[in-house]
C-alpha atoms as a PDB file:
ATOM      1  CA  UNK A   1      -1.413   3.839   1.624  1.00  0.00           C
ATOM      2  CA  UNK A   2       1.975   3.812   3.382  1.00  0.00           C
ATOM      3  CA  UNK A   3       4.044   0.727   4.246  1.00  0.00           C
ATOM      4  CA  UNK A   4       2.603   0.471   7.757  1.00  0.00           C
ATOM      5  CA  UNK A   5      -0.975   0.519   6.461  1.00  0.00           C
ATOM      6  CA  UNK A   6      -0.108  -2.022   3.766  1.00  0.00           C
ATOM      7  CA  UNK A   7       1.312  -4.375   6.383  1.00  0.00           C
ATOM      8  CA  UNK A   8      -1.658  -3.996   8.707  1.00  0.00           C
ATOM      9  CA  UNK A   9      -4.396  -4.104   6.078  1.00  0.00           C
ATOM     10  CA  UNK A  10      -2.987  -6.046   3.123  1.00  0.00           C
ATOM     11  CA  UNK A  11      -4.963  -9.103   2.013  1.00  0.00           C
ATOM     12  CA  UNK A  12      -1.911 -10.631   0.307  1.00  0.00           C
ATOM     13  CA  UNK A  13      -1.720 -14.276   1.510  1.00  0.00           C
ATOM     14  CA  UNK A  14       2.009 -14.096   2.320  1.00  0.00           C
ATOM     15  CA  UNK A  15       1.640 -10.840   4.265  1.00  0.00           C
ATOM     16  CA  UNK A  16      -1.347 -12.314   6.106  1.00  0.00           C
ATOM     17  CA  UNK A  17       0.666 -15.392   7.137  1.00  0.00           C
ATOM     18  CA  UNK A  18       3.537 -13.222   8.380  1.00  0.00           C
ATOM     19  CA  UNK A  19       1.130 -10.916  10.208  1.00  0.00           C
ATOM     20  CA  UNK A  20      -0.510 -13.858  11.948  1.00  0.00           C
ATOM     21  CA  UNK A  21       2.781 -14.944  13.506  1.00  0.00           C
ATOM     22  CA  UNK A  22       2.237 -13.225  16.855  1.00  0.00           C
ATOM     23  CA  UNK A  23       5.916 -12.687  17.639  1.00  0.00           C
ATOM     24  CA  UNK A  24       6.659 -11.039  14.281  1.00  0.00           C
ATOM     25  CA  UNK A  25       3.461  -8.982  14.305  1.00  0.00           C
ATOM     26  CA  UNK A  26       4.084  -7.539  17.749  1.00  0.00           C
ATOM     27  CA  UNK A  27       7.762  -7.006  17.015  1.00  0.00           C
ATOM     28  CA  UNK A  28       6.741  -4.919  14.025  1.00  0.00           C
ATOM     29  CA  UNK A  29       4.063  -2.977  15.887  1.00  0.00           C
ATOM     30  CA  UNK A  30       6.330  -2.138  18.808  1.00  0.00           C
ATOM     31  CA  UNK A  31       9.644  -1.378  17.130  1.00  0.00           C
ATOM     32  CA  UNK A  32       9.260  -0.712  13.396  1.00  0.00           C
ATOM     33  CA  UNK A  33       5.990   1.134  12.826  1.00  0.00           C
ATOM     34  CA  UNK A  34       6.998   4.798  12.769  1.00  0.00           C
ATOM     35  CA  UNK A  35       4.999   7.779  13.951  1.00  0.00           C
ATOM     36  CA  UNK A  36       3.700   9.692  10.923  1.00  0.00           C
ATOM     37  CA  UNK A  37       3.284  13.037  12.687  1.00  0.00           C
ATOM     38  CA  UNK A  38      -0.439  13.268  12.000  1.00  0.00           C
ATOM     39  CA  UNK A  39      -3.064  14.318  14.528  1.00  0.00           C
ATOM     40  CA  UNK A  40      -5.740  11.657  15.034  1.00  0.00           C
ATOM     41  CA  UNK A  41      -9.001  13.450  15.841  1.00  0.00           C
ATOM     42  CA  UNK A  42     -12.279  11.948  17.022  1.00  0.00           C
ATOM     43  CA  UNK A  43     -14.813  14.741  16.253  1.00  0.00           C
ATOM     44  CA  UNK A  44     -17.518  12.461  17.645  1.00  0.00           C
ATOM     45  CA  UNK A  45     -17.739   8.945  19.046  1.00  0.00           C
ATOM     46  CA  UNK A  46     -21.338   8.628  17.855  1.00  0.00           C
ATOM     47  CA  UNK A  47     -21.896   6.092  15.072  1.00  0.00           C
ATOM     48  CA  UNK A  48     -24.861   5.166  12.864  1.00  0.00           C
ATOM     49  CA  UNK A  49     -23.926   1.471  12.845  1.00  0.00           C
ATOM     50  CA  UNK A  50     -23.745  -1.135  15.594  1.00  0.00           C
ATOM     51  CA  UNK A  51     -20.994  -3.522  14.546  1.00  0.00           C
ATOM     52  CA  UNK A  52     -20.331  -6.433  16.943  1.00  0.00           C
ATOM     53  CA  UNK A  53     -16.558  -6.117  16.467  1.00  0.00           C
ATOM     54  CA  UNK A  54     -16.420  -2.346  17.081  1.00  0.00           C
ATOM     55  CA  UNK A  55     -13.162  -1.586  18.882  1.00  0.00           C
ATOM     56  CA  UNK A  56     -14.769   1.303  20.754  1.00  0.00           C
ATOM     57  CA  UNK A  57     -16.903  -1.209  22.661  1.00  0.00           C
ATOM     58  CA  UNK A  58     -13.852  -2.918  24.129  1.00  0.00           C
ATOM     59  CA  UNK A  59     -14.370  -1.481  27.616  1.00  0.00           C
ATOM     60  CA  UNK A  60     -18.160  -1.553  27.470  1.00  0.00           C
ATOM     61  CA  UNK A  61     -19.563   1.938  27.915  1.00  0.00           C
ATOM     62  CA  UNK A  62     -17.914   4.950  26.267  1.00  0.00           C
ATOM     63  CA  UNK A  63     -17.418   8.236  28.103  1.00  0.00           C
ATOM     64  CA  UNK A  64     -19.837  10.894  26.824  1.00  0.00           C
ATOM     65  CA  UNK A  65     -17.612  13.815  25.882  1.00  0.00           C
ATOM     66  CA  UNK A  66     -18.767  17.323  25.175  1.00  0.00           C
ATOM     67  CA  UNK A  67     -18.435  17.923  21.430  1.00  0.00           C
ATOM     68  CA  UNK A  68     -16.503  20.912  20.152  1.00  0.00           C
ATOM     69  CA  UNK A  69     -18.240  23.089  17.534  1.00  0.00           C
ATOM     70  CA  UNK A  70     -16.738  23.289  14.066  1.00  0.00           C
ATOM     71  CA  UNK A  71     -15.097  26.681  14.520  1.00  0.00           C
ATOM     72  CA  UNK A  72     -13.148  25.369  17.529  1.00  0.00           C
ATOM     73  CA  UNK A  73     -11.841  22.415  15.529  1.00  0.00           C
ATOM     74  CA  UNK A  74     -10.813  24.710  12.675  1.00  0.00           C
ATOM     75  CA  UNK A  75      -8.861  26.927  15.104  1.00  0.00           C
ATOM     76  CA  UNK A  76      -7.125  23.941  16.687  1.00  0.00           C
ATOM     77  CA  UNK A  77      -6.196  22.222  13.425  1.00  0.00           C
ATOM     78  CA  UNK A  78      -4.974  25.375  11.682  1.00  0.00           C
ATOM     79  CA  UNK A  79      -3.007  26.414  14.777  1.00  0.00           C
ATOM     80  CA  UNK A  80      -1.164  23.087  14.898  1.00  0.00           C
ATOM     81  CA  UNK A  81      -0.452  22.995  11.137  1.00  0.00           C
ATOM     82  CA  UNK A  82      -0.217  19.192  11.030  1.00  0.00           C
ATOM     83  CA  UNK A  83      -1.926  16.738   8.707  1.00  0.00           C
ATOM     84  CA  UNK A  84      -4.991  15.201  10.327  1.00  0.00           C
ATOM     85  CA  UNK A  85      -6.854  11.913  10.439  1.00  0.00           C
ATOM     86  CA  UNK A  86     -10.563  12.201  11.242  1.00  0.00           C
ATOM     87  CA  UNK A  87     -12.094   9.088  12.726  1.00  0.00           C
ATOM     88  CA  UNK A  88     -14.704   8.094  15.284  1.00  0.00           C
ATOM     89  CA  UNK A  89     -17.449   6.962  15.653  1.00  0.00           C
ATOM     90  CA  UNK A  90     -18.586   8.226  12.285  1.00  0.00           C
ATOM     91  CA  UNK A  91     -16.957  11.659  11.880  1.00  0.00           C
ATOM     92  CA  UNK A  92     -19.423  12.849   9.240  1.00  0.00           C
ATOM     93  CA  UNK A  93     -22.140  12.811  11.940  1.00  0.00           C
ATOM     94  CA  UNK A  94     -20.578  15.880  13.550  1.00  0.00           C
ATOM     95  CA  UNK A  95     -23.097  18.661  12.884  1.00  0.00           C
ATOM     96  CA  UNK A  96     -20.367  20.998  11.574  1.00  0.00           C
ATOM     97  CA  UNK A  97     -18.441  18.408   9.569  1.00  0.00           C
ATOM     98  CA  UNK A  98     -18.523  20.323   6.259  1.00  0.00           C
ATOM     99  CA  UNK A  99     -17.609  23.553   8.030  1.00  0.00           C
ATOM    100  CA  UNK A 100     -14.604  21.842   9.610  1.00  0.00           C
ATOM    101  CA  UNK A 101     -13.311  20.473   6.298  1.00  0.00           C
ATOM    102  CA  UNK A 102     -13.785  23.716   4.391  1.00  0.00           C
ATOM    103  CA  UNK A 103     -12.162  25.721   7.179  1.00  0.00           C
ATOM    104  CA  UNK A 104      -8.920  23.741   7.289  1.00  0.00           C
ATOM    105  CA  UNK A 105      -5.960  25.492   5.667  1.00  0.00           C
ATOM    106  CA  UNK A 106      -5.048  24.336   2.164  1.00  0.00           C
ATOM    107  CA  UNK A 107      -1.596  23.094   3.182  1.00  0.00           C
ATOM    108  CA  UNK A 108      -3.016  20.551   5.636  1.00  0.00           C
ATOM    109  CA  UNK A 109      -3.854  17.086   4.302  1.00  0.00           C
ATOM    110  CA  UNK A 110      -6.936  15.263   5.578  1.00  0.00           C
ATOM    111  CA  UNK A 111      -7.606  11.537   5.804  1.00  0.00           C
ATOM    112  CA  UNK A 112     -11.168  10.512   6.619  1.00  0.00           C
ATOM    113  CA  UNK A 113     -12.305   7.190   8.073  1.00  0.00           C
ATOM    114  CA  UNK A 114     -15.977   6.764   7.146  1.00  0.00           C
ATOM    115  CA  UNK A 115     -18.530   3.990   6.733  1.00  0.00           C
ATOM    116  CA  UNK A 116     -20.315   5.722   3.797  1.00  0.00           C
ATOM    117  CA  UNK A 117     -23.604   5.132   5.595  1.00  0.00           C
ATOM    118  CA  UNK A 118     -24.554   8.623   4.470  1.00  0.00           C
ATOM    119  CA  UNK A 119     -28.014  10.045   3.903  1.00  0.00           C
ATOM    120  CA  UNK A 120     -28.823  11.348   0.425  1.00  0.00           C
ATOM    121  CA  UNK A 121     -29.197  14.808   1.920  1.00  0.00           C
ATOM    122  CA  UNK A 122     -25.687  14.772   3.367  1.00  0.00           C
ATOM    123  CA  UNK A 123     -24.233  13.266   0.180  1.00  0.00           C
ATOM    124  CA  UNK A 124     -25.733  16.055  -1.949  1.00  0.00           C
ATOM    125  CA  UNK A 125     -24.476  18.715   0.451  1.00  0.00           C
ATOM    126  CA  UNK A 126     -21.021  17.151   0.507  1.00  0.00           C
ATOM    127  CA  UNK A 127     -20.736  17.088  -3.290  1.00  0.00           C
ATOM    128  CA  UNK A 128     -22.116  20.616  -3.632  1.00  0.00           C
ATOM    129  CA  UNK A 129     -20.377  22.360  -0.746  1.00  0.00           C
ATOM    130  CA  UNK A 130     -17.067  20.645  -0.039  1.00  0.00           C
ATOM    131  CA  UNK A 131     -14.130  22.662  -1.306  1.00  0.00           C
ATOM    132  CA  UNK A 132     -11.131  20.817   0.057  1.00  0.00           C
ATOM    133  CA  UNK A 133     -10.038  17.395  -1.243  1.00  0.00           C
ATOM    134  CA  UNK A 134      -9.310  14.602   1.197  1.00  0.00           C
ATOM    135  CA  UNK A 135      -8.269  10.958   1.180  1.00  0.00           C
ATOM    136  CA  UNK A 136     -10.983   8.482   2.114  1.00  0.00           C
ATOM    137  CA  UNK A 137     -10.437   5.307   4.048  1.00  0.00           C
ATOM    138  CA  UNK A 138     -13.921   3.914   3.497  1.00  0.00           C
ATOM    139  CA  UNK A 139     -15.129   0.920   5.492  1.00  0.00           C
ATOM    140  CA  UNK A 140     -17.876  -1.398   4.353  1.00  0.00           C
ATOM    141  CA  UNK A 141     -19.427  -3.050   7.396  1.00  0.00           C
ATOM    142  CA  UNK A 142     -21.672  -6.048   6.865  1.00  0.00           C
ATOM    143  CA  UNK A 143     -23.862  -4.817   9.733  1.00  0.00           C
ATOM    144  CA  UNK A 144     -24.982  -1.974   7.431  1.00  0.00           C
ATOM    145  CA  UNK A 145     -26.773  -4.549   5.289  1.00  0.00           C
ATOM    146  CA  UNK A 146     -26.805  -4.813   1.510  1.00  0.00           C
ATOM    147  CA  UNK A 147     -23.794  -2.922   0.049  1.00  0.00           C
ATOM    148  CA  UNK A 148     -25.962  -1.143  -2.554  1.00  0.00           C
ATOM    149  CA  UNK A 149     -26.151   1.957  -0.352  1.00  0.00           C
ATOM    150  CA  UNK A 150     -22.369   1.920   0.002  1.00  0.00           C
ATOM    151  CA  UNK A 151     -22.065   1.612  -3.799  1.00  0.00           C
ATOM    152  CA  UNK A 152     -24.516   4.486  -4.259  1.00  0.00           C
ATOM    153  CA  UNK A 153     -22.416   6.863  -2.153  1.00  0.00           C
ATOM    154  CA  UNK A 154     -19.161   5.664  -3.710  1.00  0.00           C
ATOM    155  CA  UNK A 155     -20.485   6.017  -7.276  1.00  0.00           C
ATOM    156  CA  UNK A 156     -21.797   9.538  -6.664  1.00  0.00           C
ATOM    157  CA  UNK A 157     -18.494  10.656  -5.177  1.00  0.00           C
ATOM    158  CA  UNK A 158     -16.487   9.027  -7.950  1.00  0.00           C
ATOM    159  CA  UNK A 159     -18.688  10.572 -10.649  1.00  0.00           C
ATOM    160  CA  UNK A 160     -18.261  14.015  -9.079  1.00  0.00           C
ATOM    161  CA  UNK A 161     -14.482  13.603  -8.973  1.00  0.00           C
ATOM    162  CA  UNK A 162     -14.480  13.740  -5.182  1.00  0.00           C
ATOM    163  CA  UNK A 163     -13.318  10.242  -4.290  1.00  0.00           C
ATOM    164  CA  UNK A 164      -9.679   9.521  -3.619  1.00  0.00           C
ATOM    165  CA  UNK A 165      -8.599   6.715  -1.332  1.00  0.00           C
ATOM    166  CA  UNK A 166      -9.266   3.070  -0.558  1.00  0.00           C
ATOM    167  CA  UNK A 167     -12.060   0.738   0.519  1.00  0.00           C
ATOM    168  CA  UNK A 168     -11.819  -2.059   3.072  1.00  0.00           C
ATOM    169  CA  UNK A 169     -13.964  -4.402   5.126  1.00  0.00           C
ATOM    170  CA  UNK A 170     -13.614  -6.568   8.200  1.00  0.00           C
ATOM    171  CA  UNK A 171     -14.756 -10.060   7.304  1.00  0.00           C
ATOM    172  CA  UNK A 172     -13.310 -13.026   9.240  1.00  0.00           C
ATOM    173  CA  UNK A 173     -15.108 -15.665   7.136  1.00  0.00           C
ATOM    174  CA  UNK A 174     -12.915 -16.434   4.119  1.00  0.00           C
ATOM    175  CA  UNK A 175     -15.704 -17.539   1.786  1.00  0.00           C
ATOM    176  CA  UNK A 176     -17.744 -14.408   2.460  1.00  0.00           C
ATOM    177  CA  UNK A 177     -14.653 -12.250   2.057  1.00  0.00           C
ATOM    178  CA  UNK A 178     -14.008 -13.698  -1.386  1.00  0.00           C
ATOM    179  CA  UNK A 179     -17.647 -13.168  -2.363  1.00  0.00           C
ATOM    180  CA  UNK A 180     -17.463  -9.524  -1.294  1.00  0.00           C
ATOM    181  CA  UNK A 181     -14.227  -8.969  -3.195  1.00  0.00           C
ATOM    182  CA  UNK A 182     -15.881 -10.277  -6.379  1.00  0.00           C
ATOM    183  CA  UNK A 183     -18.991  -8.180  -5.773  1.00  0.00           C
ATOM    184  CA  UNK A 184     -16.995  -4.997  -5.222  1.00  0.00           C
ATOM    185  CA  UNK A 185     -14.745  -5.781  -8.194  1.00  0.00           C
ATOM    186  CA  UNK A 186     -17.814  -5.742 -10.466  1.00  0.00           C
ATOM    187  CA  UNK A 187     -18.301  -2.133  -9.389  1.00  0.00           C
ATOM    188  CA  UNK A 188     -14.678  -1.331 -10.146  1.00  0.00           C
ATOM    189  CA  UNK A 189     -13.759  -1.188  -6.456  1.00  0.00           C
ATOM    190  CA  UNK A 190     -10.661  -2.919  -5.090  1.00  0.00           C
ATOM    191  CA  UNK A 191     -11.716  -4.202  -1.682  1.00  0.00           C
ATOM    192  CA  UNK A 192      -9.098  -4.880   0.995  1.00  0.00           C
ATOM    193  CA  UNK A 193     -10.014  -7.473   3.631  1.00  0.00           C
ATOM    194  CA  UNK A 194      -8.887  -6.476   7.129  1.00  0.00           C
ATOM    195  CA  UNK A 195      -8.033  -8.854   9.898  1.00  0.00           C
ATOM    196  CA  UNK A 196     -10.167  -8.515  12.997  1.00  0.00           C
ATOM    197  CA  UNK A 197      -8.196  -6.015  15.115  1.00  0.00           C
ATOM    198  CA  UNK A 198      -8.907  -8.054  18.242  1.00  0.00           C
ATOM    199  CA  UNK A 199      -6.582 -10.728  16.818  1.00  0.00           C
ATOM    200  CA  UNK A 200      -3.827  -8.364  15.733  1.00  0.00           C
ATOM    201  CA  UNK A 201      -2.445  -7.149  19.046  1.00  0.00           C
ATOM    202  CA  UNK A 202      -1.683  -9.250  22.126  1.00  0.00           C
ATOM    203  CA  UNK A 203      -2.144  -6.169  24.307  1.00  0.00           C
ATOM    204  CA  UNK A 204      -5.923  -6.465  23.940  1.00  0.00           C
ATOM    205  CA  UNK A 205      -6.233 -10.198  24.614  1.00  0.00           C
ATOM    206  CA  UNK A 206      -7.858  -9.755  28.069  1.00  0.00           C
ATOM    207  CA  UNK A 207      -5.930 -12.865  29.133  1.00  0.00           C
ATOM    208  CA  UNK A 208      -3.529 -11.081  31.484  1.00  0.00           C
ATOM    209  CA  UNK A 209      -2.641  -7.746  33.051  1.00  0.00           C
ATOM    210  CA  UNK A 210       0.990  -6.731  33.008  1.00  0.00           C
ATOM    211  CA  UNK A 211       2.870  -3.778  34.421  1.00  0.00           C
ATOM    212  CA  UNK A 212       4.724  -2.177  31.535  1.00  0.00           C
ATOM    213  CA  UNK A 213       6.402   0.998  30.480  1.00  0.00           C
ATOM    214  CA  UNK A 214       4.470   2.205  27.435  1.00  0.00           C
ATOM    215  CA  UNK A 215       6.454   4.648  25.321  1.00  0.00           C
ATOM    216  CA  UNK A 216       4.194   5.836  22.544  1.00  0.00           C
ATOM    217  CA  UNK A 217       4.272   8.550  19.894  1.00  0.00           C
ATOM    218  CA  UNK A 218       0.762   9.686  19.071  1.00  0.00           C
ATOM    219  CA  UNK A 219      -1.433  12.778  18.971  1.00  0.00           C
ATOM    220  CA  UNK A 220      -4.841  11.367  19.907  1.00  0.00           C
ATOM    221  CA  UNK A 221      -7.584  13.960  20.390  1.00  0.00           C
ATOM    222  CA  UNK A 222     -11.016  13.314  21.939  1.00  0.00           C
ATOM    223  CA  UNK A 223     -14.293  15.025  20.867  1.00  0.00           C
ATOM    224  CA  UNK A 224     -13.819  17.754  23.504  1.00  0.00           C
ATOM    225  CA  UNK A 225     -10.346  18.705  22.209  1.00  0.00           C
ATOM    226  CA  UNK A 226      -8.376  16.892  24.918  1.00  0.00           C
ATOM    227  CA  UNK A 227      -5.335  14.774  24.102  1.00  0.00           C
ATOM    228  CA  UNK A 228      -4.990  11.249  25.516  1.00  0.00           C
ATOM    229  CA  UNK A 229      -2.107   8.798  25.633  1.00  0.00           C
ATOM    230  CA  UNK A 230      -4.079   5.953  24.021  1.00  0.00           C
ATOM    231  CA  UNK A 231      -7.530   4.962  22.794  1.00  0.00           C
ATOM    232  CA  UNK A 232      -8.208   2.862  25.893  1.00  0.00           C
ATOM    233  CA  UNK A 233      -7.687   5.848  28.180  1.00  0.00           C
ATOM    234  CA  UNK A 234      -9.670   8.168  25.905  1.00  0.00           C
ATOM    235  CA  UNK A 235     -12.744   5.923  25.831  1.00  0.00           C
ATOM    236  CA  UNK A 236     -12.786   6.016  29.650  1.00  0.00           C
ATOM    237  CA  UNK A 237     -11.670   9.661  30.002  1.00  0.00           C
ATOM    238  CA  UNK A 238      -8.728   8.502  32.089  1.00  0.00           C
ATOM    239  CA  UNK A 239      -5.710  10.770  32.764  1.00  0.00           C
ATOM    240  CA  UNK A 240      -6.299  13.411  30.059  1.00  0.00           C
ATOM    241  CA  UNK A 241      -3.288  15.327  28.803  1.00  0.00           C
ATOM    242  CA  UNK A 242      -3.229  18.802  27.231  1.00  0.00           C
ATOM    243  CA  UNK A 243      -6.462  20.598  26.375  1.00  0.00           C
ATOM    244  CA  UNK A 244      -6.088  21.998  22.861  1.00  0.00           C
ATOM    245  CA  UNK A 245      -8.717  24.636  23.456  1.00  0.00           C
ATOM    246  CA  UNK A 246      -6.225  26.446  25.667  1.00  0.00           C
ATOM    247  CA  UNK A 247      -2.779  25.030  24.857  1.00  0.00           C
ATOM    248  CA  UNK A 248      -0.626  23.634  22.055  1.00  0.00           C
ATOM    249  CA  UNK A 249       0.374  20.031  21.520  1.00  0.00           C
ATOM    250  CA  UNK A 250       3.505  18.997  23.381  1.00  0.00           C
ATOM    251  CA  UNK A 251       6.013  16.291  22.473  1.00  0.00           C
ATOM    252  CA  UNK A 252       4.293  13.381  20.667  1.00  0.00           C
ATOM    253  CA  UNK A 253       6.207  10.906  22.832  1.00  0.00           C
ATOM    254  CA  UNK A 254       4.327   9.875  25.970  1.00  0.00           C
ATOM    255  CA  UNK A 255       6.132   7.466  28.266  1.00  0.00           C
ATOM    256  CA  UNK A 256       4.716   6.202  31.531  1.00  0.00           C
ATOM    257  CA  UNK A 257       4.020   3.120  33.599  1.00  0.00           C
ATOM    258  CA  UNK A 258       0.782   1.307  32.765  1.00  0.00           C
ATOM    259  CA  UNK A 259      -0.714  -1.496  34.847  1.00  0.00           C
ATOM    260  CA  UNK A 260      -3.311  -2.553  32.262  1.00  0.00           C
ATOM    261  CA  UNK A 261      -1.322  -4.028  29.386  1.00  0.00           C
ATOM    262  CA  UNK A 262      -3.432  -6.930  28.189  1.00  0.00           C
ATOM    263  CA  UNK A 263      -6.575  -4.791  28.448  1.00  0.00           C
ATOM    264  CA  UNK A 264      -5.524  -2.189  25.880  1.00  0.00           C
ATOM    265  CA  UNK A 265      -7.944  -1.155  23.158  1.00  0.00           C
ATOM    266  CA  UNK A 266      -7.263  -2.945  19.840  1.00  0.00           C
ATOM    267  CA  UNK A 267      -6.566   0.508  18.351  1.00  0.00           C
ATOM    268  CA  UNK A 268      -3.744   1.128  20.815  1.00  0.00           C
ATOM    269  CA  UNK A 269      -1.331  -0.249  18.246  1.00  0.00           C
ATOM    270  CA  UNK A 270      -1.722   3.139  16.516  1.00  0.00           C
ATOM    271  CA  UNK A 271       1.415   5.211  16.316  1.00  0.00           C
ATOM    272  CA  UNK A 272       4.989   4.310  17.167  1.00  0.00           C
ATOM    273  CA  UNK A 273       5.000   2.201  20.321  1.00  0.00           C
ATOM    274  CA  UNK A 274       7.583   0.504  22.521  1.00  0.00           C
ATOM    275  CA  UNK A 275       6.345  -1.652  25.416  1.00  0.00           C
ATOM    276  CA  UNK A 276       8.732  -2.910  28.082  1.00  0.00           C
ATOM    277  CA  UNK A 277       7.477  -5.310  30.754  1.00  0.00           C
ATOM    278  CA  UNK A 278       8.356  -4.222  34.299  1.00  0.00           C
ATOM    279  CA  UNK A 279       8.756  -6.271  37.441  1.00  0.00           C
ATOM    280  CA  UNK A 280       5.797  -6.062  39.819  1.00  0.00           C
END
């Protein structure tokens, strides 16, 4: 986990206090968090959970994108030759997920965001068929119920030598968070407690709308292979950028006027971002 991730997701009490000072948190997010060069890909926005705090629900309905087949994703990723982050939705629900992973060139690193709400059938196929290692960022969501299923998937992957990464949860209630940390510790799992993303970024407060210049470095790719400037625009299919099925990625920096600051998605703090308020 890099410094930016440690700052955002650390459960250290001192870091948490610093992070909860709105001025310092937003100063960090806008001016000090550096673009890591990775491509953030949403193979699907479908999920097998229904968490009340899901950031993808921020604007209500989600645009229903066409979903690229696995061979298209392999072509795109190998053509770009950049490390990738696969997120969603639940990316493992893509019908060609294993084909995508196994088709990615060996020099490209993969980070996978997953809820480990896997079926036994998929888990067995993953352990048997996956050839390429990746780093997991596994999320335990209380809406999935008893964590025994999560433990089952984790234990099988660990026993097979195919788990590398970290485990986190979103749990705003301190007492419950401590209970979960103890429970996971008994299984030999270090559990990080995330802040609710809705409280981490004043741009998603829904308390105002400001005209700003948003200068942002990010490669954010929707399920149909189209790049978007931010998560908020992607979820609504608003002002798509390059289509990777037919073109290459351009400069990661996207700078333009936005009239919706205050109604950003909580995930729009991703990447290197500089927001300047403009006069109306």
